[in-house]
C-alpha atoms as a PDB file:
ATOM      1  CA  UNK A   1     -11.790  -2.545  19.276  1.00  0.00           C
ATOM      2  CA  UNK A   2     -10.330  -3.056  15.934  1.00  0.00           C
ATOM      3  CA  UNK A   3     -14.048  -2.184  14.681  1.00  0.00           C
ATOM      4  CA  UNK A   4     -14.319   1.073  16.235  1.00  0.00           C
ATOM      5  CA  UNK A   5     -10.692   2.285  15.605  1.00  0.00           C
ATOM      6  CA  UNK A   6     -11.413   1.628  11.756  1.00  0.00           C
ATOM      7  CA  UNK A   7     -14.301   4.013  12.058  1.00  0.00           C
ATOM      8  CA  UNK A   8     -12.564   6.561  14.119  1.00  0.00           C
ATOM      9  CA  UNK A   9      -9.691   6.812  11.210  1.00  0.00           C
ATOM     10  CA  UNK A  10     -11.916   6.454   8.272  1.00  0.00           C
ATOM     11  CA  UNK A  11     -14.107   9.529   9.471  1.00  0.00           C
ATOM     12  CA  UNK A  12     -10.691  11.455   9.934  1.00  0.00           C
ATOM     13  CA  UNK A  13      -9.458  10.133   6.479  1.00  0.00           C
ATOM     14  CA  UNK A  14     -12.544  11.611   5.031  1.00  0.00           C
ATOM     15  CA  UNK A  15     -12.708  14.840   6.596  1.00  0.00           C
ATOM     16  CA  UNK A  16      -8.591  15.484   5.059  1.00  0.00           C
ATOM     17  CA  UNK A  17      -9.017  18.175   2.606  1.00  0.00           C
ATOM     18  CA  UNK A  18      -7.586  17.831  -0.981  1.00  0.00           C
ATOM     19  CA  UNK A  19      -4.807  20.148  -0.470  1.00  0.00           C
ATOM     20  CA  UNK A  20      -3.878  18.655   3.023  1.00  0.00           C
ATOM     21  CA  UNK A  21      -3.836  15.290   1.402  1.00  0.00           C
ATOM     22  CA  UNK A  22      -1.900  16.438  -1.484  1.00  0.00           C
ATOM     23  CA  UNK A  23       0.804  18.492   0.982  1.00  0.00           C
ATOM     24  CA  UNK A  24       1.115  15.102   3.139  1.00  0.00           C
ATOM     25  CA  UNK A  25       1.279  12.798   0.227  1.00  0.00           C
ATOM     26  CA  UNK A  26       4.176  14.965  -1.489  1.00  0.00           C
ATOM     27  CA  UNK A  27       5.919  14.879   1.654  1.00  0.00           C
ATOM     28  CA  UNK A  28       5.449  10.624   1.963  1.00  0.00           C
ATOM     29  CA  UNK A  29       6.967  10.741  -1.112  1.00  0.00           C
ATOM     30  CA  UNK A  30      10.085  12.503  -0.793  1.00  0.00           C
ATOM     31  CA  UNK A  31      10.845  10.592   2.685  1.00  0.00           C
ATOM     32  CA  UNK A  32      10.274   7.199   0.558  1.00  0.00           C
ATOM     33  CA  UNK A  33      12.508   8.061  -2.789  1.00  0.00           C
ATOM     34  CA  UNK A  34      15.018   9.088  -0.539  1.00  0.00           C
ATOM     35  CA  UNK A  35      15.134   5.639   1.549  1.00  0.00           C
ATOM     36  CA  UNK A  36      17.922   3.285   0.618  1.00  0.00           C
ATOM     37  CA  UNK A  37      15.382   0.680   0.132  1.00  0.00           C
ATOM     38  CA  UNK A  38      13.906   2.642  -2.668  1.00  0.00           C
ATOM     39  CA  UNK A  39      16.872   3.655  -4.315  1.00  0.00           C
ATOM     40  CA  UNK A  40      18.049   0.085  -4.868  1.00  0.00           C
ATOM     41  CA  UNK A  41      14.863  -1.472  -5.475  1.00  0.00           C
ATOM     42  CA  UNK A  42      14.317  -2.503  -9.157  1.00  0.00           C
ATOM     43  CA  UNK A  43      10.865  -3.868  -8.520  1.00  0.00           C
ATOM     44  CA  UNK A  44       8.361  -2.079  -6.424  1.00  0.00           C
ATOM     45  CA  UNK A  45       4.796  -2.973  -5.541  1.00  0.00           C
ATOM     46  CA  UNK A  46       2.744   0.155  -4.511  1.00  0.00           C
ATOM     47  CA  UNK A  47      -1.167   0.446  -3.807  1.00  0.00           C
ATOM     48  CA  UNK A  48      -3.227   2.297  -5.722  1.00  0.00           C
ATOM     49  CA  UNK A  49      -4.703   4.983  -3.378  1.00  0.00           C
ATOM     50  CA  UNK A  50      -8.449   5.252  -2.958  1.00  0.00           C
ATOM     51  CA  UNK A  51     -10.686   7.896  -1.132  1.00  0.00           C
ATOM     52  CA  UNK A  52      -8.264   9.830   1.175  1.00  0.00           C
ATOM     53  CA  UNK A  53      -5.273   7.430   1.858  1.00  0.00           C
ATOM     54  CA  UNK A  54      -1.663   8.411   1.047  1.00  0.00           C
ATOM     55  CA  UNK A  55      -1.971   9.438  -2.646  1.00  0.00           C
ATOM     56  CA  UNK A  56       0.519   7.095  -4.691  1.00  0.00           C
ATOM     57  CA  UNK A  57      -0.365   8.167  -7.847  1.00  0.00           C
ATOM     58  CA  UNK A  58       2.628  10.373  -8.435  1.00  0.00           C
ATOM     59  CA  UNK A  59       4.944   7.770  -6.523  1.00  0.00           C
ATOM     60  CA  UNK A  60       3.936   5.114  -9.129  1.00  0.00           C
ATOM     61  CA  UNK A  61       4.130   7.744 -12.194  1.00  0.00           C
ATOM     62  CA  UNK A  62       7.799   8.918 -10.941  1.00  0.00           C
ATOM     63  CA  UNK A  63       9.051   5.474 -10.531  1.00  0.00           C
ATOM     64  CA  UNK A  64       7.914   4.383 -13.905  1.00  0.00           C
ATOM     65  CA  UNK A  65       9.935   7.574 -15.081  1.00  0.00           C
ATOM     66  CA  UNK A  66      13.204   6.710 -13.428  1.00  0.00           C
ATOM     67  CA  UNK A  67      12.861   3.159 -14.903  1.00  0.00           C
ATOM     68  CA  UNK A  68      11.754   1.141 -12.410  1.00  0.00           C
ATOM     69  CA  UNK A  69       9.384  -1.769 -12.595  1.00  0.00           C
ATOM     70  CA  UNK A  70       5.921  -0.795 -10.714  1.00  0.00           C
ATOM     71  CA  UNK A  71       3.814  -3.749  -9.635  1.00  0.00           C
ATOM     72  CA  UNK A  72       0.161  -3.036  -8.320  1.00  0.00           C
ATOM     73  CA  UNK A  73      -2.242  -5.141  -6.167  1.00  0.00           C
ATOM     74  CA  UNK A  74      -5.200  -6.702  -7.977  1.00  0.00           C
ATOM     75  CA  UNK A  75      -8.138  -8.301  -6.158  1.00  0.00           C
ATOM     76  CA  UNK A  76      -9.701 -11.779  -6.867  1.00  0.00           C
ATOM     77  CA  UNK A  77     -12.701 -11.612  -5.047  1.00  0.00           C
ATOM     78  CA  UNK A  78     -13.784 -15.388  -5.726  1.00  0.00           C
ATOM     79  CA  UNK A  79     -10.525 -16.705  -4.347  1.00  0.00           C
ATOM     80  CA  UNK A  80     -10.262 -13.950  -1.975  1.00  0.00           C
ATOM     81  CA  UNK A  81      -6.694 -13.252  -3.358  1.00  0.00           C
ATOM     82  CA  UNK A  82      -4.588 -10.440  -3.733  1.00  0.00           C
ATOM     83  CA  UNK A  83      -1.935 -10.911  -6.845  1.00  0.00           C
ATOM     84  CA  UNK A  84       0.639  -8.524  -7.905  1.00  0.00           C
ATOM     85  CA  UNK A  85       0.335  -7.390 -11.476  1.00  0.00           C
ATOM     86  CA  UNK A  86       2.858  -5.416 -14.074  1.00  0.00           C
ATOM     87  CA  UNK A  87       1.643  -1.598 -14.286  1.00  0.00           C
ATOM     88  CA  UNK A  88       3.483   0.071 -17.441  1.00  0.00           C
ATOM     89  CA  UNK A  89       1.011   3.335 -17.289  1.00  0.00           C
ATOM     90  CA  UNK A  90      -0.953   4.696 -14.771  1.00  0.00           C
ATOM     91  CA  UNK A  91      -3.380   6.564 -16.814  1.00  0.00           C
ATOM     92  CA  UNK A  92      -4.437   3.454 -18.740  1.00  0.00           C
ATOM     93  CA  UNK A  93      -4.822   0.163 -18.057  1.00  0.00           C
ATOM     94  CA  UNK A  94      -6.854   0.214 -15.246  1.00  0.00           C
ATOM     95  CA  UNK A  95     -10.033  -0.926 -14.334  1.00  0.00           C
ATOM     96  CA  UNK A  96     -12.324  -0.789 -11.502  1.00  0.00           C
ATOM     97  CA  UNK A  97     -11.947  -3.654  -9.198  1.00  0.00           C
ATOM     98  CA  UNK A  98     -13.719  -5.260  -6.669  1.00  0.00           C
ATOM     99  CA  UNK A  99     -14.484  -2.361  -3.389  1.00  0.00           C
ATOM    100  CA  UNK A 100     -14.197   0.407  -6.194  1.00  0.00           C
ATOM    101  CA  UNK A 101     -10.378  -0.097  -6.245  1.00  0.00           C
ATOM    102  CA  UNK A 102      -8.505   0.545  -9.340  1.00  0.00           C
ATOM    103  CA  UNK A 103      -6.608  -2.142 -10.440  1.00  0.00           C
ATOM    104  CA  UNK A 104      -4.632  -3.764 -13.947  1.00  0.00           C
ATOM    105  CA  UNK A 105      -6.525  -6.336 -15.913  1.00  0.00           C
ATOM    106  CA  UNK A 106      -5.151  -9.980 -14.586  1.00  0.00           C
ATOM    107  CA  UNK A 107      -3.487 -11.626 -16.955  1.00  0.00           C
ATOM    108  CA  UNK A 108      -0.933 -14.166 -17.455  1.00  0.00           C
ATOM    109  CA  UNK A 109       1.604 -11.695 -18.656  1.00  0.00           C
ATOM    110  CA  UNK A 110       0.778  -9.066 -16.236  1.00  0.00           C
ATOM    111  CA  UNK A 111       1.151 -11.374 -12.874  1.00  0.00           C
ATOM    112  CA  UNK A 112       4.776 -11.224 -11.029  1.00  0.00           C
ATOM    113  CA  UNK A 113       5.811 -13.855  -8.703  1.00  0.00           C
ATOM    114  CA  UNK A 114       5.764 -11.966  -5.191  1.00  0.00           C
ATOM    115  CA  UNK A 115       9.165 -13.173  -4.269  1.00  0.00           C
ATOM    116  CA  UNK A 116      10.820 -11.281  -7.053  1.00  0.00           C
ATOM    117  CA  UNK A 117       9.695  -7.887  -5.746  1.00  0.00           C
ATOM    118  CA  UNK A 118      12.299  -5.934  -3.974  1.00  0.00           C
ATOM    119  CA  UNK A 119       9.931  -3.567  -1.941  1.00  0.00           C
ATOM    120  CA  UNK A 120       6.649  -3.372  -1.193  1.00  0.00           C
ATOM    121  CA  UNK A 121       4.744   0.028  -0.283  1.00  0.00           C
ATOM    122  CA  UNK A 122       1.842  -1.048   2.261  1.00  0.00           C
ATOM    123  CA  UNK A 123      -1.616   0.868   3.109  1.00  0.00           C
ATOM    124  CA  UNK A 124      -3.101   0.616   6.553  1.00  0.00           C
ATOM    125  CA  UNK A 125      -6.014   2.759   8.516  1.00  0.00           C
ATOM    126  CA  UNK A 126      -3.702   2.391  11.299  1.00  0.00           C
ATOM    127  CA  UNK A 127      -0.049   1.436  12.346  1.00  0.00           C
ATOM    128  CA  UNK A 128       1.706   1.440  15.914  1.00  0.00           C
ATOM    129  CA  UNK A 129       5.158   1.909  16.361  1.00  0.00           C
ATOM    130  CA  UNK A 130       6.071  -1.690  16.261  1.00  0.00           C
ATOM    131  CA  UNK A 131       4.938  -1.831  12.912  1.00  0.00           C
ATOM    132  CA  UNK A 132       1.593  -3.462  13.378  1.00  0.00           C
ATOM    133  CA  UNK A 133      -1.077  -2.901  10.740  1.00  0.00           C
ATOM    134  CA  UNK A 134      -4.814  -2.314  11.030  1.00  0.00           C
ATOM    135  CA  UNK A 135      -6.483  -2.831   7.161  1.00  0.00           C
ATOM    136  CA  UNK A 136      -9.782  -2.501   6.168  1.00  0.00           C
ATOM    137  CA  UNK A 137     -10.562  -5.679   7.520  1.00  0.00           C
ATOM    138  CA  UNK A 138     -10.923  -8.153   4.740  1.00  0.00           C
ATOM    139  CA  UNK A 139      -7.551  -9.704   5.205  1.00  0.00           C
ATOM    140  CA  UNK A 140      -6.437  -9.312   1.681  1.00  0.00           C
ATOM    141  CA  UNK A 141      -2.913  -7.880   2.718  1.00  0.00           C
ATOM    142  CA  UNK A 142      -1.998 -10.273   5.369  1.00  0.00           C
ATOM    143  CA  UNK A 143      -2.931 -13.171   3.308  1.00  0.00           C
ATOM    144  CA  UNK A 144      -0.328 -11.759   0.589  1.00  0.00           C
ATOM    145  CA  UNK A 145       2.334 -10.908   2.629  1.00  0.00           C
ATOM    146  CA  UNK A 146       2.307 -14.548   4.254  1.00  0.00           C
ATOM    147  CA  UNK A 147       3.808 -15.269   0.623  1.00  0.00           C
ATOM    148  CA  UNK A 148       6.770 -12.901   0.354  1.00  0.00           C
ATOM    149  CA  UNK A 149      10.212 -13.393   2.331  1.00  0.00           C
ATOM    150  CA  UNK A 150      10.229 -12.083   5.516  1.00  0.00           C
ATOM    151  CA  UNK A 151      13.368  -9.925   4.402  1.00  0.00           C
ATOM    152  CA  UNK A 152      11.988  -8.240   1.677  1.00  0.00           C
ATOM    153  CA  UNK A 153      11.292  -4.816   2.912  1.00  0.00           C
ATOM    154  CA  UNK A 154       7.515  -3.963   3.851  1.00  0.00           C
ATOM    155  CA  UNK A 155       6.964  -0.092   4.456  1.00  0.00           C
ATOM    156  CA  UNK A 156       3.593   1.246   5.864  1.00  0.00           C
ATOM    157  CA  UNK A 157       2.609   4.713   4.685  1.00  0.00           C
ATOM    158  CA  UNK A 158       0.062   7.016   6.718  1.00  0.00           C
ATOM    159  CA  UNK A 159      -0.504  10.243   7.714  1.00  0.00           C
ATOM    160  CA  UNK A 160       0.413  11.013  11.145  1.00  0.00           C
ATOM    161  CA  UNK A 161      -2.917  10.974  12.716  1.00  0.00           C
ATOM    162  CA  UNK A 162      -3.189   7.300  11.424  1.00  0.00           C
ATOM    163  CA  UNK A 163      -0.089   6.339  14.200  1.00  0.00           C
ATOM    164  CA  UNK A 164      -1.663   5.054  17.518  1.00  0.00           C
ATOM    165  CA  UNK A 165       0.089   3.703  21.011  1.00  0.00           C
ATOM    166  CA  UNK A 166      -0.736   0.243  20.423  1.00  0.00           C
ATOM    167  CA  UNK A 167      -2.613  -2.012  18.032  1.00  0.00           C
ATOM    168  CA  UNK A 168      -4.563  -5.278  18.669  1.00  0.00           C
ATOM    169  CA  UNK A 169      -2.943  -7.738  16.978  1.00  0.00           C
ATOM    170  CA  UNK A 170      -4.144 -11.435  15.780  1.00  0.00           C
ATOM    171  CA  UNK A 171      -1.758 -14.157  15.107  1.00  0.00           C
ATOM    172  CA  UNK A 172      -2.550 -14.067  11.171  1.00  0.00           C
ATOM    173  CA  UNK A 173      -1.870  -9.820  11.040  1.00  0.00           C
ATOM    174  CA  UNK A 174       1.097  -9.143   9.359  1.00  0.00           C
ATOM    175  CA  UNK A 175       3.575  -6.098  10.397  1.00  0.00           C
ATOM    176  CA  UNK A 176       5.692  -3.841   8.147  1.00  0.00           C
ATOM    177  CA  UNK A 177       9.384  -3.527   8.850  1.00  0.00           C
ATOM    178  CA  UNK A 178       9.077   0.121   8.487  1.00  0.00           C
ATOM    179  CA  UNK A 179       6.655   3.050   8.602  1.00  0.00           C
ATOM    180  CA  UNK A 180       6.748   6.515   6.650  1.00  0.00           C
ATOM    181  CA  UNK A 181       4.701   9.557   7.491  1.00  0.00           C
ATOM    182  CA  UNK A 182       4.359  13.201   7.015  1.00  0.00           C
END
């Protein structure tokens, strides 16, 4: 069932126009920036959007301009790990990582302790009302989220059509605390 849902949502995402994606992403950004969790967070981890996901580029740029420390994921494919790395400038310092996703170069200086991050903005192909999340199937975020305290806010972002009534869950699936949609 997860596989069929992934295909269905991916097809829908690939058919969203640039204009619609930009408008919906802007609405989501406004909602996130209005949240108390965002306002008080000093260090925020965003994902770097790809394809037709909710666009995080402007969220990242504006957060940096606001003086927040921005952290983004880097994938270490050999160890199947996702590691949080500091990002100072969205326009520079990114390389194409595994799966064609932009990520920062991983260095000792860029790595951030996940327990010192105040807020996580989490991608997903689909979410349900209980905060269950369907990712792309590699398990990087699920493994990563087991390493952060449960009380740290995890906000899933998605377009409304990515919201489903009920997602099948496995014991290793990690939910989000809150969902923000257009």
